[in-house]
Amino acid sequence: MSRNKQEEDPRINGIKTKIRVVPDFPKKGIMFQDITTVLLDPKAFKDTIDLFVERYRDKNISVVAGIEARGFLFGPPIALAIGAKFVPLRKPKKLPGETIFEEYELEYGNDRLEMHVGAVEVGDRALVVDDLIATGGTLCAAIKLLERVGAEVVECACVIELPELKGRQRLKGKPLCMLVEYR
């Protein structure tokens, strides 16, 4: 969403007021942005989904890829509403059957995202969904994984952006739609 449209839409402020900030979680110095409180409020949850659906309804998205775990909360209702399939991008060894993966670096080590072989096809138009973008490492891994199998990543969608961590810059020009910005 453009910043002006966000400022004009009263639903954005309603969503923002439902996000709980938990100090010192999961470790001291972190101000954790908890979206589970958005899920507890049916109006805020519906508004969140509706804002994304309004944005993507006419963009010919064929696959919504949700990043484990909170991307699984927002991705499926968006996919259903826009007529796209939902593909879970999971942590290692969580998917049965044959998978492909993309490794990425964290501040404290490495991790990887996996998806089923054949879940995404050449030419699919993909939307990547997660609850939050911080450093951008997980979103970058998702983009690489989807592009490796021939999908076009149209955009990434997150409820929250932490701009001081510069995750948007790591996306190398891929568009990012966020609803709430925390500084």
Protein backbone atom coordinates (compact mmCIF):
# COMPACT_ATOMS: atom_id res chain seq x y z
CA MET A 1 0.00 0.00 0.00
CA SER A 2 1.22 3.49 -0.62
CA ARG A 3 1.93 5.51 2.48
CA ASN A 4 -0.84 8.02 1.62
CA LYS A 5 -3.46 5.30 1.14
CA GLN A 6 -2.39 3.76 4.46
CA GLU A 7 -2.77 7.05 6.27
CA GLU A 8 -6.23 7.59 4.77
CA ASP A 9 -7.63 4.12 5.51
CA PRO A 10 -8.98 3.95 9.08
CA ARG A 11 -8.61 0.15 9.07
CA ILE A 12 -4.83 0.54 9.27
CA ASN A 13 -4.99 2.33 12.60
CA GLY A 14 -7.47 -0.24 13.88
CA ILE A 15 -5.03 -3.03 13.04
CA LYS A 16 -2.10 -1.14 14.53
CA THR A 17 -3.90 -0.69 17.85
CA LYS A 18 -4.44 -4.46 18.09
CA ILE A 19 -0.74 -5.38 17.72
CA ARG A 20 0.72 -6.08 21.15
CA VAL A 21 4.32 -5.09 21.82
CA VAL A 22 6.04 -7.49 24.22
CA PRO A 23 9.28 -6.09 25.68
CA ASP A 24 12.32 -8.35 26.10
CA PHE A 25 10.87 -11.28 24.12
CA PRO A 26 12.32 -13.66 23.08
CA LYS A 27 15.39 -12.06 24.64
CA LYS A 28 16.35 -8.87 26.43
CA GLY A 29 16.32 -5.78 24.23
CA ILE A 30 13.82 -7.13 21.67
CA MET A 31 10.45 -5.40 21.35
CA PHE A 32 8.41 -8.30 19.96
CA GLN A 33 5.52 -7.35 17.66
CA ASP A 34 2.80 -9.88 18.52
CA ILE A 35 0.14 -10.32 15.84
CA THR A 36 -1.78 -12.96 17.77
CA THR A 37 -3.78 -10.14 19.35
CA VAL A 38 -4.93 -9.12 15.85
CA LEU A 39 -6.30 -12.65 15.43
CA LEU A 40 -8.29 -12.27 18.66
CA ASP A 41 -10.22 -9.36 17.18
CA PRO A 42 -12.41 -10.54 14.28
CA LYS A 43 -12.72 -7.04 12.80
CA ALA A 44 -8.97 -6.36 12.87
CA PHE A 45 -8.22 -9.82 11.43
CA LYS A 46 -10.82 -9.37 8.67
CA ASP A 47 -9.56 -5.86 7.91
CA THR A 48 -6.01 -7.20 7.58
CA ILE A 49 -7.10 -9.87 5.12
CA ASP A 50 -9.41 -7.48 3.25
CA LEU A 51 -6.67 -4.89 2.72
CA PHE A 52 -4.39 -7.50 1.14
CA VAL A 53 -7.21 -9.01 -0.93
CA GLU A 54 -8.16 -5.57 -2.27
CA ARG A 55 -4.55 -5.06 -3.32
CA TYR A 56 -4.03 -8.46 -5.00
CA ARG A 57 -7.47 -9.37 -6.34
CA ASP A 58 -6.71 -8.15 -9.88
CA LYS A 59 -2.99 -8.94 -10.09
CA ASN A 60 -3.34 -12.46 -11.54
CA ILE A 61 -1.60 -14.09 -8.58
CA SER A 62 -1.66 -17.88 -9.04
CA VAL A 63 0.16 -18.87 -5.84
CA VAL A 64 0.34 -17.43 -2.35
CA ALA A 65 3.44 -18.70 -0.54
CA GLY A 66 3.19 -18.39 3.24
CA ILE A 67 6.30 -18.44 5.40
CA GLU A 68 6.21 -20.60 8.53
CA ALA A 69 4.59 -20.03 10.86
CA ARG A 70 2.66 -16.77 10.93
CA GLY A 71 2.52 -16.54 7.13
CA PHE A 72 0.25 -19.59 7.47
CA LEU A 73 -2.28 -17.44 9.35
CA PHE A 74 -2.64 -14.74 6.70
CA GLY A 75 -1.75 -16.57 3.49
CA PRO A 76 -4.59 -19.11 3.19
CA PRO A 77 -7.50 -16.65 3.53
CA ILE A 78 -5.82 -14.32 1.03
CA ALA A 79 -5.28 -17.23 -1.39
CA LEU A 80 -8.90 -18.36 -1.11
CA ALA A 81 -10.25 -14.85 -1.65
CA ILE A 82 -8.17 -14.19 -4.78
CA GLY A 83 -8.56 -17.69 -6.25
CA ALA A 84 -4.92 -18.76 -5.85
CA LYS A 85 -3.37 -21.90 -4.44
CA PHE A 86 -1.58 -21.74 -1.09
CA VAL A 87 1.93 -23.16 -0.74
CA PRO A 88 3.52 -23.44 2.71
CA LEU A 89 7.22 -22.58 2.96
CA ARG A 90 8.38 -24.56 5.99
CA LYS A 91 11.33 -25.03 8.28
CA PRO A 92 13.46 -28.15 7.65
CA LYS A 93 11.96 -31.64 7.85
CA LYS A 94 8.35 -30.52 8.35
CA LEU A 95 7.00 -31.48 4.91
CA PRO A 96 6.45 -35.10 3.87
CA GLY A 97 7.61 -36.15 0.43
CA GLU A 98 10.19 -34.66 -1.87
CA THR A 99 11.19 -31.06 -1.15
CA ILE A 100 13.52 -28.40 -2.42
CA PHE A 101 15.08 -25.83 -0.14
CA GLU A 102 16.86 -22.50 0.15
CA GLU A 103 19.34 -21.82 2.94
CA TYR A 104 19.78 -18.39 4.48
CA GLU A 105 21.82 -16.73 7.19
CA LEU A 106 20.50 -15.50 10.51
CA GLU A 107 22.27 -13.28 13.02
CA TYR A 108 23.05 -16.42 15.04
CA GLY A 109 23.50 -19.14 12.40
CA ASN A 110 21.79 -20.62 9.35
CA ASP A 111 18.31 -21.83 8.58
CA ARG A 112 16.40 -22.96 5.53
CA LEU A 113 12.97 -22.90 3.94
CA GLU A 114 11.55 -25.93 2.17
CA MET A 115 8.64 -26.49 -0.19
CA HIS A 116 7.23 -29.50 -1.99
CA VAL A 117 8.64 -30.29 -5.40
CA GLY A 118 5.99 -29.43 -7.99
CA ALA A 119 3.93 -27.16 -5.72
CA VAL A 120 4.97 -24.14 -7.77
CA GLU A 121 5.33 -24.28 -11.53
CA VAL A 122 7.19 -22.31 -14.17
CA GLY A 123 5.21 -19.17 -14.91
CA ASP A 124 3.29 -19.06 -11.64
CA ARG A 125 2.80 -15.52 -10.34
CA ALA A 126 3.62 -15.60 -6.64
CA LEU A 127 2.83 -13.51 -3.61
CA VAL A 128 4.99 -14.15 -0.54
CA VAL A 129 3.22 -13.61 2.80
CA ASP A 130 4.63 -13.28 6.31
CA ASP A 131 3.60 -11.39 9.42
CA LEU A 132 6.67 -9.18 9.68
CA ILE A 133 9.79 -8.07 7.82
CA ALA A 134 12.81 -7.29 9.98
CA THR A 135 16.19 -8.00 8.36
CA GLY A 136 14.60 -9.53 5.24
CA GLY A 137 16.57 -12.78 5.29
CA THR A 138 13.57 -15.08 5.34
CA LEU A 139 11.75 -13.18 2.59
CA CYS A 140 14.90 -13.22 0.43
CA ALA A 141 15.17 -16.99 0.84
CA ALA A 142 11.50 -17.38 -0.12
CA ILE A 143 11.99 -15.23 -3.23
CA LYS A 144 15.07 -17.23 -4.30
CA LEU A 145 13.29 -20.54 -3.76
CA LEU A 146 10.25 -19.51 -5.80
CA GLU A 147 12.32 -17.96 -8.59
CA ARG A 148 14.54 -21.05 -8.78
CA VAL A 149 11.52 -23.13 -9.85
CA GLY A 150 10.47 -20.52 -12.43
CA ALA A 151 7.86 -18.48 -10.58
CA GLU A 152 7.62 -14.73 -10.92
CA VAL A 153 7.49 -13.16 -7.47
CA VAL A 154 5.08 -10.26 -7.90
CA GLU A 155 5.34 -8.86 -4.38
CA CYS A 156 5.91 -9.62 -0.70
CA ALA A 157 3.16 -8.81 1.80
CA CYS A 158 3.73 -8.32 5.53
CA VAL A 159 1.50 -6.95 8.23
CA ILE A 160 4.42 -5.19 9.98
CA GLU A 161 7.71 -3.66 8.84
CA LEU A 162 10.59 -2.75 11.15
CA PRO A 163 12.30 -0.25 8.81
CA GLU A 164 15.32 0.41 11.03
CA LEU A 165 16.49 -3.18 10.33
CA LYS A 166 16.60 -2.39 6.58
CA GLY A 167 14.95 -5.60 5.39
CA ARG A 168 13.30 -3.84 2.46
CA GLN A 169 16.72 -2.99 1.00
CA ARG A 170 17.70 -6.68 1.00
CA LEU A 171 14.75 -7.51 -1.26
CA LYS A 172 16.73 -6.10 -4.22
CA GLY A 173 13.89 -4.14 -5.74
CA LYS A 174 11.07 -6.63 -5.15
CA PRO A 175 8.00 -4.70 -4.07
CA LEU A 176 6.89 -4.96 -0.45
CA CYS A 177 3.42 -4.16 0.82
CA MET A 178 3.21 -3.60 4.56
CA LEU A 179 0.30 -2.35 6.60
CA VAL A 180 1.96 -1.14 9.80
CA GLU A 181 5.39 0.38 10.28
CA TYR A 182 7.09 0.36 13.68
CA ARG A 183 10.11 2.53 14.42
